Amino acid sequence: MVIRLISVLFSVYMLLWISSFVTTGYLQDENQALKIYRKITMISMILTGVLLPLIGHLADKTPSRYIIPVAFFIRCMAAFAFISLNKPDTALAYISCSFLILATVLENVSVEVLFMRGMPGDVRGAMNGVFHFFGQIGVLFFT
């Protein structure tokens, strides 16, 4: 549940973080904040679309005991890069936020492969359903 909700919660947090620069006077208005948010989201979607086959192949071929800790470590490093940001409209902000979203995708795919690989057939469908259910609940309640 936590892994599925992380991506939804970060999207909401990122929008709030960018919007907070309107109240400080750094950004002109909410429209400028939304433009920055949309750019980051679009960059992340393009990167995810291009790299998802590679991520899926890597998660499928690498044992879960290696790929999952690596995925969480990469996301941790991306989170540290994110918290060091001071302005939302810099190249570093775009790169950091996009990398954090891409690292979250790597986590999600790695955990889903673990579910698919390690679960017995009669439990696999139910666990995969629960995994996706919590992703949908997060979208409904947190966006």
N, C-alpha and C. Protein backbone atom coordinates (compact mmCIF):
# COMPACT_ATOMS: atom_id res chain seq x y z
N MET A 1 0.83 -1.18 0.00
CA MET A 1 0.00 0.00 0.00
C MET A 1 0.88 1.25 0.00
N VAL A 2 1.91 1.25 0.83
CA VAL A 2 2.76 2.43 0.94
C VAL A 2 3.46 2.71 -0.38
N ILE A 3 3.95 1.67 -1.03
CA ILE A 3 4.66 1.86 -2.29
C ILE A 3 3.74 2.45 -3.34
N ARG A 4 2.50 1.99 -3.38
CA ARG A 4 1.56 2.51 -4.37
C ARG A 4 1.16 3.95 -4.06
N LEU A 5 1.09 4.30 -2.80
CA LEU A 5 0.66 5.65 -2.43
C LEU A 5 1.77 6.69 -2.54
N ILE A 6 3.02 6.24 -2.53
CA ILE A 6 4.14 7.18 -2.57
C ILE A 6 4.08 8.07 -3.80
N SER A 7 3.81 7.48 -4.96
CA SER A 7 3.81 8.28 -6.18
C SER A 7 2.68 9.30 -6.18
N VAL A 8 1.52 8.91 -5.66
CA VAL A 8 0.40 9.84 -5.59
C VAL A 8 0.69 10.95 -4.59
N LEU A 9 1.21 10.57 -3.44
CA LEU A 9 1.50 11.58 -2.42
C LEU A 9 2.59 12.54 -2.87
N PHE A 10 3.60 12.03 -3.59
CA PHE A 10 4.65 12.94 -4.06
C PHE A 10 4.10 13.92 -5.08
N SER A 11 3.21 13.48 -5.94
CA SER A 11 2.61 14.38 -6.93
C SER A 11 1.87 15.52 -6.24
N VAL A 12 1.10 15.18 -5.21
CA VAL A 12 0.37 16.20 -4.47
C VAL A 12 1.36 17.12 -3.73
N TYR A 13 2.35 16.52 -3.10
CA TYR A 13 3.34 17.32 -2.37
C TYR A 13 4.11 18.23 -3.31
N MET A 14 4.49 17.72 -4.48
CA MET A 14 5.24 18.53 -5.43
C MET A 14 4.43 19.75 -5.87
N LEU A 15 3.14 19.55 -6.14
CA LEU A 15 2.29 20.68 -6.52
C LEU A 15 2.19 21.69 -5.39
N LEU A 16 2.03 21.22 -4.17
CA LEU A 16 1.97 22.14 -3.02
C LEU A 16 3.31 22.86 -2.82
N TRP A 17 4.40 22.15 -3.00
CA TRP A 17 5.72 22.75 -2.84
C TRP A 17 5.93 23.86 -3.87
N ILE A 18 5.59 23.57 -5.12
CA ILE A 18 5.75 24.59 -6.17
C ILE A 18 4.83 25.77 -5.90
N SER A 19 3.59 25.49 -5.49
CA SER A 19 2.63 26.57 -5.21
C SER A 19 3.05 27.42 -4.02
N SER A 20 3.83 26.86 -3.11
CA SER A 20 4.26 27.64 -1.95
C SER A 20 5.16 28.82 -2.35
N PHE A 21 5.75 28.75 -3.53
CA PHE A 21 6.60 29.85 -3.98
C PHE A 21 5.79 31.04 -4.48
N VAL A 22 4.48 30.85 -4.64
CA VAL A 22 3.60 31.98 -4.98
C VAL A 22 3.45 32.87 -3.76
N THR A 23 3.24 32.26 -2.59
CA THR A 23 3.05 33.05 -1.37
C THR A 23 4.33 33.76 -0.94
N THR A 24 5.49 33.21 -1.30
CA THR A 24 6.73 33.89 -0.95
C THR A 24 7.06 35.01 -1.92
N GLY A 25 6.35 35.06 -3.06
CA GLY A 25 6.59 36.10 -4.03
C GLY A 25 7.58 35.71 -5.12
N TYR A 26 8.16 34.52 -5.04
CA TYR A 26 9.12 34.09 -6.06
C TYR A 26 8.42 33.85 -7.39
N LEU A 27 7.24 33.21 -7.35
CA LEU A 27 6.44 33.00 -8.56
C LEU A 27 5.33 34.04 -8.59
N GLN A 28 4.91 34.40 -9.80
CA GLN A 28 3.91 35.45 -9.95
C GLN A 28 2.53 35.03 -9.48
N ASP A 29 2.09 33.85 -9.93
CA ASP A 29 0.74 33.40 -9.59
C ASP A 29 0.65 31.88 -9.70
N GLU A 30 -0.55 31.38 -9.42
CA GLU A 30 -0.78 29.93 -9.46
C GLU A 30 -0.61 29.37 -10.86
N ASN A 31 -0.89 30.17 -11.89
CA ASN A 31 -0.72 29.69 -13.26
C ASN A 31 0.74 29.38 -13.57
N GLN A 32 1.63 30.19 -13.08
CA GLN A 32 3.05 29.93 -13.29
C GLN A 32 3.46 28.66 -12.54
N ALA A 33 2.92 28.47 -11.34
CA ALA A 33 3.20 27.24 -10.58
C ALA A 33 2.68 26.01 -11.32
N LEU A 34 1.48 26.12 -11.89
CA LEU A 34 0.93 24.99 -12.65
C LEU A 34 1.74 24.70 -13.90
N LYS A 35 2.27 25.72 -14.55
CA LYS A 35 3.11 25.51 -15.73
C LYS A 35 4.37 24.72 -15.37
N ILE A 36 4.98 25.08 -14.26
CA ILE A 36 6.17 24.37 -13.80
C ILE A 36 5.82 22.92 -13.47
N TYR A 37 4.71 22.72 -12.76
CA TYR A 37 4.27 21.38 -12.40
C TYR A 37 4.00 20.54 -13.65
N ARG A 38 3.35 21.14 -14.64
CA ARG A 38 3.05 20.41 -15.88
C ARG A 38 4.33 20.06 -16.63
N LYS A 39 5.30 20.96 -16.65
CA LYS A 39 6.57 20.65 -17.32
C LYS A 39 7.26 19.47 -16.66
N ILE A 40 7.32 19.49 -15.34
CA ILE A 40 7.96 18.39 -14.60
C ILE A 40 7.21 17.09 -14.87
N THR A 41 5.90 17.14 -14.83
CA THR A 41 5.09 15.94 -15.08
C THR A 41 5.30 15.44 -16.50
N MET A 42 5.34 16.33 -17.46
CA MET A 42 5.52 15.92 -18.86
C MET A 42 6.90 15.31 -19.07
N ILE A 43 7.93 15.93 -18.52
CA ILE A 43 9.28 15.37 -18.62
C ILE A 43 9.32 13.97 -18.01
N SER A 44 8.69 13.82 -16.85
CA SER A 44 8.67 12.53 -16.17
C SER A 44 7.91 11.48 -16.98
N MET A 45 6.81 11.88 -17.59
CA MET A 45 6.04 10.93 -18.40
C MET A 45 6.83 10.49 -19.62
N ILE A 46 7.52 11.40 -20.27
CA ILE A 46 8.32 11.05 -21.44
C ILE A 46 9.47 10.13 -21.04
N LEU A 47 10.17 10.48 -19.97
CA LEU A 47 11.26 9.61 -19.50
C LEU A 47 10.75 8.23 -19.12
N THR A 48 9.62 8.19 -18.43
CA THR A 48 9.05 6.90 -18.04
C THR A 48 8.66 6.09 -19.27
N GLY A 49 8.03 6.73 -20.24
CA GLY A 49 7.64 6.01 -21.46
C GLY A 49 8.83 5.45 -22.21
N VAL A 50 9.92 6.21 -22.24
CA VAL A 50 11.11 5.75 -22.96
C VAL A 50 11.85 4.67 -22.17
N LEU A 51 11.96 4.85 -20.85
CA LEU A 51 12.77 3.95 -20.03
C LEU A 51 12.01 2.78 -19.42
N LEU A 52 10.69 2.78 -19.50
CA LEU A 52 9.91 1.71 -18.86
C LEU A 52 10.24 0.32 -19.41
N PRO A 53 10.41 0.15 -20.72
CA PRO A 53 10.81 -1.20 -21.18
C PRO A 53 12.16 -1.64 -20.59
N LEU A 54 13.11 -0.71 -20.49
CA LEU A 54 14.40 -1.04 -19.90
C LEU A 54 14.26 -1.35 -18.41
N ILE A 55 13.46 -0.57 -17.72
CA ILE A 55 13.22 -0.81 -16.29
C ILE A 55 12.54 -2.16 -16.09
N GLY A 56 11.55 -2.46 -16.90
CA GLY A 56 10.87 -3.76 -16.80
C GLY A 56 11.81 -4.92 -17.08
N HIS A 57 12.65 -4.78 -18.09
CA HIS A 57 13.61 -5.83 -18.42
C HIS A 57 14.61 -6.02 -17.28
N LEU A 58 15.10 -4.91 -16.75
CA LEU A 58 16.04 -4.97 -15.64
C LEU A 58 15.41 -5.61 -14.41
N ALA A 59 14.18 -5.22 -14.09
CA ALA A 59 13.49 -5.79 -12.92
C ALA A 59 13.18 -7.27 -13.12
N ASP A 60 12.93 -7.66 -14.35
CA ASP A 60 12.61 -9.06 -14.64
C ASP A 60 13.84 -9.95 -14.60
N LYS A 61 14.98 -9.45 -15.04
CA LYS A 61 16.20 -10.27 -15.14
C LYS A 61 17.04 -10.25 -13.87
N THR A 62 16.89 -9.23 -13.05
CA THR A 62 17.68 -9.12 -11.83
C THR A 62 16.90 -9.72 -10.66
N PRO A 63 17.57 -10.50 -9.82
CA PRO A 63 16.87 -11.06 -8.65
C PRO A 63 16.29 -9.95 -7.77
N SER A 64 15.12 -10.19 -7.23
CA SER A 64 14.42 -9.18 -6.42
C SER A 64 15.21 -8.76 -5.20
N ARG A 65 16.00 -9.66 -4.64
CA ARG A 65 16.78 -9.31 -3.44
C ARG A 65 17.84 -8.26 -3.75
N TYR A 66 18.17 -8.06 -5.03
CA TYR A 66 19.11 -7.01 -5.43
C TYR A 66 18.41 -5.77 -5.96
N ILE A 67 17.44 -5.97 -6.84
CA ILE A 67 16.84 -4.83 -7.54
C ILE A 67 15.99 -3.96 -6.61
N ILE A 68 15.29 -4.56 -5.66
CA ILE A 68 14.43 -3.77 -4.77
C ILE A 68 15.25 -2.87 -3.86
N PRO A 69 16.29 -3.38 -3.18
CA PRO A 69 17.10 -2.44 -2.38
C PRO A 69 17.78 -1.36 -3.23
N VAL A 70 18.23 -1.72 -4.43
CA VAL A 70 18.84 -0.73 -5.31
C VAL A 70 17.81 0.33 -5.70
N ALA A 71 16.58 -0.11 -6.01
CA ALA A 71 15.52 0.83 -6.38
C ALA A 71 15.21 1.79 -5.23
N PHE A 72 15.12 1.26 -4.02
CA PHE A 72 14.85 2.11 -2.86
C PHE A 72 16.01 3.06 -2.59
N PHE A 73 17.25 2.59 -2.80
CA PHE A 73 18.41 3.45 -2.60
C PHE A 73 18.43 4.58 -3.62
N ILE A 74 18.14 4.26 -4.87
CA ILE A 74 18.10 5.29 -5.92
C ILE A 74 17.03 6.33 -5.58
N ARG A 75 15.87 5.86 -5.11
CA ARG A 75 14.80 6.80 -4.74
C ARG A 75 15.22 7.65 -3.54
N CYS A 76 15.93 7.05 -2.61
CA CYS A 76 16.43 7.79 -1.45
C CYS A 76 17.38 8.90 -1.88
N MET A 77 18.29 8.59 -2.80
CA MET A 77 19.22 9.60 -3.30
C MET A 77 18.47 10.72 -4.04
N ALA A 78 17.46 10.34 -4.81
CA ALA A 78 16.66 11.35 -5.52
C ALA A 78 15.89 12.22 -4.52
N ALA A 79 15.41 11.63 -3.44
CA ALA A 79 14.70 12.41 -2.42
C ALA A 79 15.64 13.39 -1.73
N PHE A 80 16.87 12.98 -1.47
CA PHE A 80 17.84 13.91 -0.89
C PHE A 80 18.15 15.05 -1.84
N ALA A 81 18.22 14.74 -3.14
CA ALA A 81 18.44 15.81 -4.11
C ALA A 81 17.26 16.77 -4.13
N PHE A 82 16.04 16.22 -4.00
CA PHE A 82 14.84 17.05 -4.01
C PHE A 82 14.80 17.99 -2.81
N ILE A 83 15.11 17.49 -1.63
CA ILE A 83 14.98 18.34 -0.45
C ILE A 83 16.04 19.44 -0.40
N SER A 84 17.06 19.34 -1.25
CA SER A 84 18.07 20.39 -1.28
C SER A 84 17.70 21.54 -2.22
N LEU A 85 16.57 21.43 -2.90
CA LEU A 85 16.16 22.45 -3.86
C LEU A 85 15.66 23.71 -3.16
N ASN A 86 15.99 24.86 -3.73
CA ASN A 86 15.53 26.14 -3.18
C ASN A 86 14.55 26.86 -4.10
N LYS A 87 14.56 26.49 -5.39
CA LYS A 87 13.70 27.15 -6.37
C LYS A 87 13.08 26.09 -7.28
N PRO A 88 11.82 26.27 -7.65
CA PRO A 88 11.15 25.23 -8.44
C PRO A 88 11.35 25.34 -9.95
N ASP A 89 11.91 26.43 -10.43
CA ASP A 89 11.99 26.63 -11.87
C ASP A 89 13.40 26.51 -12.44
N THR A 90 14.28 25.84 -11.73
CA THR A 90 15.65 25.64 -12.21
C THR A 90 15.77 24.29 -12.91
N ALA A 91 16.82 24.15 -13.67
CA ALA A 91 17.08 22.87 -14.35
C ALA A 91 17.28 21.76 -13.32
N LEU A 92 17.94 22.08 -12.23
CA LEU A 92 18.16 21.09 -11.18
C LEU A 92 16.83 20.62 -10.58
N ALA A 93 15.87 21.51 -10.44
CA ALA A 93 14.56 21.13 -9.92
C ALA A 93 13.85 20.19 -10.89
N TYR A 94 13.90 20.50 -12.18
CA TYR A 94 13.28 19.62 -13.17
C TYR A 94 13.93 18.24 -13.17
N ILE A 95 15.24 18.22 -13.13
CA ILE A 95 15.97 16.95 -13.13
C ILE A 95 15.68 16.16 -11.86
N SER A 96 15.76 16.82 -10.73
CA SER A 96 15.57 16.14 -9.45
C SER A 96 14.16 15.57 -9.31
N CYS A 97 13.16 16.37 -9.61
CA CYS A 97 11.77 15.90 -9.50
C CYS A 97 11.49 14.77 -10.49
N SER A 98 11.99 14.91 -11.71
CA SER A 98 11.78 13.87 -12.71
C SER A 98 12.49 12.59 -12.32
N PHE A 99 13.70 12.72 -11.79
CA PHE A 99 14.45 11.54 -11.35
C PHE A 99 13.75 10.86 -10.18
N LEU A 100 13.18 11.65 -9.29
CA LEU A 100 12.45 11.07 -8.16
C LEU A 100 11.22 10.30 -8.64
N ILE A 101 10.52 10.83 -9.60
CA ILE A 101 9.36 10.13 -10.16
C ILE A 101 9.80 8.87 -10.88
N LEU A 102 10.88 8.95 -11.64
CA LEU A 102 11.40 7.79 -12.36
C LEU A 102 11.88 6.72 -11.38
N ALA A 103 12.50 7.11 -10.29
CA ALA A 103 12.94 6.15 -9.27
C ALA A 103 11.74 5.48 -8.60
N THR A 104 10.65 6.22 -8.44
CA THR A 104 9.43 5.63 -7.88
C THR A 104 8.85 4.60 -8.84
N VAL A 105 8.91 4.87 -10.13
CA VAL A 105 8.46 3.90 -11.12
C VAL A 105 9.31 2.63 -11.03
N LEU A 106 10.62 2.79 -10.88
CA LEU A 106 11.50 1.63 -10.72
C LEU A 106 11.12 0.82 -9.50
N GLU A 107 10.81 1.48 -8.39
CA GLU A 107 10.35 0.78 -7.19
C GLU A 107 9.07 0.01 -7.46
N ASN A 108 8.10 0.69 -8.06
CA ASN A 108 6.80 0.04 -8.31
C ASN A 108 6.94 -1.18 -9.20
N VAL A 109 7.72 -1.06 -10.26
CA VAL A 109 7.91 -2.19 -11.17
C VAL A 109 8.64 -3.32 -10.46
N SER A 110 9.65 -3.01 -9.67
CA SER A 110 10.41 -4.03 -8.97
C SER A 110 9.54 -4.80 -7.98
N VAL A 111 8.71 -4.10 -7.25
CA VAL A 111 7.83 -4.76 -6.29
C VAL A 111 6.77 -5.58 -7.01
N GLU A 112 6.26 -5.05 -8.12
CA GLU A 112 5.26 -5.81 -8.88
C GLU A 112 5.86 -7.08 -9.46
N VAL A 113 7.10 -7.02 -9.92
CA VAL A 113 7.77 -8.23 -10.41
C VAL A 113 7.95 -9.22 -9.27
N LEU A 114 8.26 -8.72 -8.08
CA LEU A 114 8.37 -9.61 -6.91
C LEU A 114 7.05 -10.32 -6.66
N PHE A 115 5.94 -9.59 -6.75
CA PHE A 115 4.63 -10.21 -6.58
C PHE A 115 4.39 -11.28 -7.64
N MET A 116 4.70 -10.96 -8.86
CA MET A 116 4.44 -11.89 -9.95
C MET A 116 5.36 -13.11 -9.90
N ARG A 117 6.58 -12.90 -9.51
CA ARG A 117 7.56 -13.97 -9.52
C ARG A 117 7.44 -14.89 -8.30
N GLY A 118 7.23 -14.31 -7.14
CA GLY A 118 7.34 -15.08 -5.91
C GLY A 118 6.05 -15.64 -5.34
N MET A 119 4.92 -15.25 -5.86
CA MET A 119 3.64 -15.70 -5.30
C MET A 119 3.15 -16.96 -6.00
N PRO A 120 2.54 -17.85 -5.22
CA PRO A 120 1.89 -19.00 -5.86
C PRO A 120 0.73 -18.51 -6.73
N GLY A 121 0.41 -19.29 -7.75
CA GLY A 121 -0.60 -18.89 -8.73
C GLY A 121 -1.96 -18.56 -8.14
N ASP A 122 -2.38 -19.28 -7.09
CA ASP A 122 -3.71 -19.02 -6.54
C ASP A 122 -3.77 -17.76 -5.68
N VAL A 123 -2.63 -17.24 -5.26
CA VAL A 123 -2.58 -16.04 -4.44
C VAL A 123 -2.16 -14.83 -5.28
N ARG A 124 -1.46 -15.07 -6.37
CA ARG A 124 -0.88 -14.00 -7.18
C ARG A 124 -1.93 -12.99 -7.66
N GLY A 125 -3.02 -13.48 -8.17
CA GLY A 125 -4.06 -12.58 -8.67
C GLY A 125 -4.66 -11.72 -7.58
N ALA A 126 -4.93 -12.32 -6.42
CA ALA A 126 -5.50 -11.57 -5.31
C ALA A 126 -4.53 -10.50 -4.81
N MET A 127 -3.26 -10.86 -4.66
CA MET A 127 -2.27 -9.89 -4.19
C MET A 127 -2.05 -8.78 -5.21
N ASN A 128 -2.05 -9.11 -6.49
CA ASN A 128 -1.89 -8.09 -7.52
C ASN A 128 -3.11 -7.16 -7.52
N GLY A 129 -4.29 -7.72 -7.30
CA GLY A 129 -5.50 -6.90 -7.21
C GLY A 129 -5.44 -5.94 -6.04
N VAL A 130 -4.97 -6.41 -4.89
CA VAL A 130 -4.83 -5.55 -3.71
C VAL A 130 -3.79 -4.47 -3.97
N PHE A 131 -2.69 -4.84 -4.62
CA PHE A 131 -1.63 -3.90 -4.95
C PHE A 131 -2.17 -2.75 -5.81
N HIS A 132 -2.94 -3.08 -6.82
CA HIS A 132 -3.50 -2.05 -7.70
C HIS A 132 -4.67 -1.30 -7.05
N PHE A 133 -5.39 -1.97 -6.17
CA PHE A 133 -6.49 -1.33 -5.46
C PHE A 133 -5.98 -0.15 -4.65
N PHE A 134 -4.88 -0.34 -3.94
CA PHE A 134 -4.35 0.74 -3.12
C PHE A 134 -3.82 1.88 -3.97
N GLY A 135 -3.34 1.59 -5.16
CA GLY A 135 -2.95 2.65 -6.08
C GLY A 135 -4.16 3.48 -6.50
N GLN A 136 -5.28 2.82 -6.76
CA GLN A 136 -6.50 3.54 -7.15
C GLN A 136 -7.09 4.32 -5.98
N ILE A 137 -7.04 3.74 -4.78
CA ILE A 137 -7.53 4.46 -3.60
C ILE A 137 -6.71 5.74 -3.40
N GLY A 138 -5.40 5.64 -3.58
CA GLY A 138 -4.56 6.83 -3.44
C GLY A 138 -4.92 7.91 -4.44
N VAL A 139 -5.20 7.51 -5.68
CA VAL A 139 -5.57 8.48 -6.69
C VAL A 139 -6.88 9.15 -6.32
N LEU A 140 -7.84 8.37 -5.83
CA LEU A 140 -9.16 8.93 -5.49
C LEU A 140 -9.09 9.89 -4.30
N PHE A 141 -8.35 9.51 -3.27
CA PHE A 141 -8.40 10.30 -2.04
C PHE A 141 -7.37 11.41 -1.96
N PHE A 142 -6.26 11.29 -2.69
CA PHE A 142 -5.19 12.26 -2.53
C PHE A 142 -5.01 13.20 -3.71
N THR A 143 -5.89 13.11 -4.72
CA THR A 143 -5.76 14.06 -5.82
C THR A 143 -7.02 14.87 -5.96
